[in-house]
């Protein structure tokens, strides 16, 4: 035999569903607020990154600044039938 007759248990089941739906709505509202805040902050960071003038590091050299990297071999194209480097030799 159930603890409560089925006729009386219905109101408790309905109350449990209502509480669950209210908690779910609160959770969704909190997550939406967090996502909106993160989206706004990400937009501000993107604007800040675009407004900054790019700086060059010593490793970010261009060919115009330091000549052709690697000498003549950098632009060499392998000819047909020429030996090409392999990946290991095991």
C-alpha atoms as a PDB file:
ATOM      1  CA  UNK A   1       0.000   0.000   0.000  1.00  0.00           C
ATOM      2  CA  UNK A   2       1.350   3.448  -0.901  1.00  0.00           C
ATOM      3  CA  UNK A   3       2.248   5.915   1.828  1.00  0.00           C
ATOM      4  CA  UNK A   4      -0.396   8.326   0.562  1.00  0.00           C
ATOM      5  CA  UNK A   5      -3.504   7.519  -1.383  1.00  0.00           C
ATOM      6  CA  UNK A   6      -3.057   8.407  -5.068  1.00  0.00           C
ATOM      7  CA  UNK A   7      -5.727  11.107  -4.862  1.00  0.00           C
ATOM      8  CA  UNK A   8      -3.802  13.039  -2.179  1.00  0.00           C
ATOM      9  CA  UNK A   9      -0.313  12.454  -3.655  1.00  0.00           C
ATOM     10  CA  UNK A  10      -1.143  14.339  -6.861  1.00  0.00           C
ATOM     11  CA  UNK A  11      -0.851  17.764  -5.267  1.00  0.00           C
ATOM     12  CA  UNK A  12       2.616  16.908  -3.882  1.00  0.00           C
ATOM     13  CA  UNK A  13       3.780  15.670  -7.269  1.00  0.00           C
ATOM     14  CA  UNK A  14       2.514  18.869  -8.898  1.00  0.00           C
ATOM     15  CA  UNK A  15       4.267  20.955  -6.227  1.00  0.00           C
ATOM     16  CA  UNK A  16       7.523  19.054  -6.812  1.00  0.00           C
ATOM     17  CA  UNK A  17       7.311  19.704 -10.565  1.00  0.00           C
ATOM     18  CA  UNK A  18       6.632  23.401  -9.963  1.00  0.00           C
ATOM     19  CA  UNK A  19       9.626  23.696  -7.620  1.00  0.00           C
ATOM     20  CA  UNK A  20      11.818  21.893 -10.149  1.00  0.00           C
ATOM     21  CA  UNK A  21      10.689  24.157 -13.011  1.00  0.00           C
ATOM     22  CA  UNK A  22      11.275  27.295 -10.916  1.00  0.00           C
ATOM     23  CA  UNK A  23      14.794  26.141 -10.016  1.00  0.00           C
ATOM     24  CA  UNK A  24      15.463  25.294 -13.651  1.00  0.00           C
ATOM     25  CA  UNK A  25      14.280  28.760 -14.745  1.00  0.00           C
ATOM     26  CA  UNK A  26      16.518  30.433 -12.149  1.00  0.00           C
ATOM     27  CA  UNK A  27      19.494  28.372 -13.339  1.00  0.00           C
ATOM     28  CA  UNK A  28      18.859  29.267 -16.990  1.00  0.00           C
ATOM     29  CA  UNK A  29      18.545  32.960 -16.087  1.00  0.00           C
ATOM     30  CA  UNK A  30      21.863  32.887 -14.206  1.00  0.00           C
ATOM     31  CA  UNK A  31      23.609  31.133 -17.107  1.00  0.00           C
ATOM     32  CA  UNK A  32      22.151  33.629 -19.604  1.00  0.00           C
ATOM     33  CA  UNK A  33      23.432  36.538 -17.522  1.00  0.00           C
ATOM     34  CA  UNK A  34      26.908  34.980 -17.348  1.00  0.00           C
ATOM     35  CA  UNK A  35      26.996  34.355 -21.085  1.00  0.00           C
ATOM     36  CA  UNK A  36      25.899  37.927 -21.787  1.00  0.00           C
ATOM     37  CA  UNK A  37      28.642  39.268 -19.499  1.00  0.00           C
ATOM     38  CA  UNK A  38      31.306  37.053 -21.079  1.00  0.00           C
ATOM     39  CA  UNK A  39      30.163  38.053 -24.569  1.00  0.00           C
ATOM     40  CA  UNK A  40      30.356  41.741 -23.643  1.00  0.00           C
ATOM     41  CA  UNK A  41      33.831  41.352 -22.128  1.00  0.00           C
ATOM     42  CA  UNK A  42      35.027  39.373 -25.139  1.00  0.00           C
ATOM     43  CA  UNK A  43      33.809  42.150 -27.425  1.00  0.00           C
ATOM     44  CA  UNK A  44      35.693  44.712 -25.360  1.00  0.00           C
ATOM     45  CA  UNK A  45      38.862  42.601 -25.545  1.00  0.00           C
ATOM     46  CA  UNK A  46      38.494  42.241 -29.308  1.00  0.00           C
ATOM     47  CA  UNK A  47      38.107  46.017 -29.670  1.00  0.00           C
ATOM     48  CA  UNK A  48      41.163  46.563 -27.484  1.00  0.00           C
ATOM     49  CA  UNK A  49      43.199  44.072 -29.506  1.00  0.00           C
ATOM     50  CA  UNK A  50      42.197  45.719 -32.793  1.00  0.00           C
ATOM     51  CA  UNK A  51      43.047  49.201 -31.525  1.00  0.00           C
ATOM     52  CA  UNK A  52      46.544  48.243 -30.375  1.00  0.00           C
ATOM     53  CA  UNK A  53      49.343  48.713 -32.859  1.00  0.00           C
ATOM     54  CA  UNK A  54      50.990  45.373 -33.552  1.00  0.00           C
ATOM     55  CA  UNK A  55      54.495  45.083 -32.168  1.00  0.00           C
ATOM     56  CA  UNK A  56      57.212  42.998 -33.735  1.00  0.00           C
ATOM     57  CA  UNK A  57      59.413  40.673 -31.775  1.00  0.00           C
ATOM     58  CA  UNK A  58      62.970  39.873 -32.853  1.00  0.00           C
ATOM     59  CA  UNK A  59      61.825  36.444 -34.060  1.00  0.00           C
ATOM     60  CA  UNK A  60      59.104  37.974 -36.268  1.00  0.00           C
ATOM     61  CA  UNK A  61      61.429  39.156 -39.011  1.00  0.00           C
ATOM     62  CA  UNK A  62      60.392  39.743 -42.574  1.00  0.00           C
ATOM     63  CA  UNK A  63      62.394  39.019 -45.675  1.00  0.00           C
ATOM     64  CA  UNK A  64      62.384  42.696 -46.563  1.00  0.00           C
ATOM     65  CA  UNK A  65      64.047  43.585 -43.247  1.00  0.00           C
ATOM     66  CA  UNK A  66      66.690  40.883 -43.121  1.00  0.00           C
ATOM     67  CA  UNK A  67      67.169  39.678 -46.656  1.00  0.00           C
ATOM     68  CA  UNK A  68      66.129  36.379 -48.107  1.00  0.00           C
ATOM     69  CA  UNK A  69      66.135  33.745 -45.366  1.00  0.00           C
ATOM     70  CA  UNK A  70      68.310  30.736 -46.049  1.00  0.00           C
ATOM     71  CA  UNK A  71      70.086  32.143 -49.091  1.00  0.00           C
ATOM     72  CA  UNK A  72      69.338  30.721 -52.513  1.00  0.00           C
ATOM     73  CA  UNK A  73      68.229  27.342 -51.180  1.00  0.00           C
ATOM     74  CA  UNK A  74      65.100  28.810 -49.593  1.00  0.00           C
ATOM     75  CA  UNK A  75      63.457  29.422 -52.959  1.00  0.00           C
ATOM     76  CA  UNK A  76      64.840  26.378 -54.778  1.00  0.00           C
ATOM     77  CA  UNK A  77      62.313  24.008 -56.263  1.00  0.00           C
ATOM     78  CA  UNK A  78      63.248  20.356 -56.659  1.00  0.00           C
ATOM     79  CA  UNK A  79      63.555  19.342 -60.267  1.00  0.00           C
ATOM     80  CA  UNK A  80      61.922  16.216 -61.624  1.00  0.00           C
ATOM     81  CA  UNK A  81      64.059  13.181 -60.867  1.00  0.00           C
ATOM     82  CA  UNK A  82      66.185  15.007 -58.328  1.00  0.00           C
ATOM     83  CA  UNK A  83      66.772  13.372 -54.980  1.00  0.00           C
ATOM     84  CA  UNK A  84      64.356  14.675 -52.349  1.00  0.00           C
ATOM     85  CA  UNK A  85      65.029  14.577 -48.623  1.00  0.00           C
ATOM     86  CA  UNK A  86      63.361  11.753 -46.739  1.00  0.00           C
ATOM     87  CA  UNK A  87      61.946  11.699 -43.264  1.00  0.00           C
ATOM     88  CA  UNK A  88      64.247   9.480 -41.292  1.00  0.00           C
ATOM     89  CA  UNK A  89      66.267   6.714 -42.848  1.00  0.00           C
ATOM     90  CA  UNK A  90      65.314   3.965 -40.410  1.00  0.00           C
END
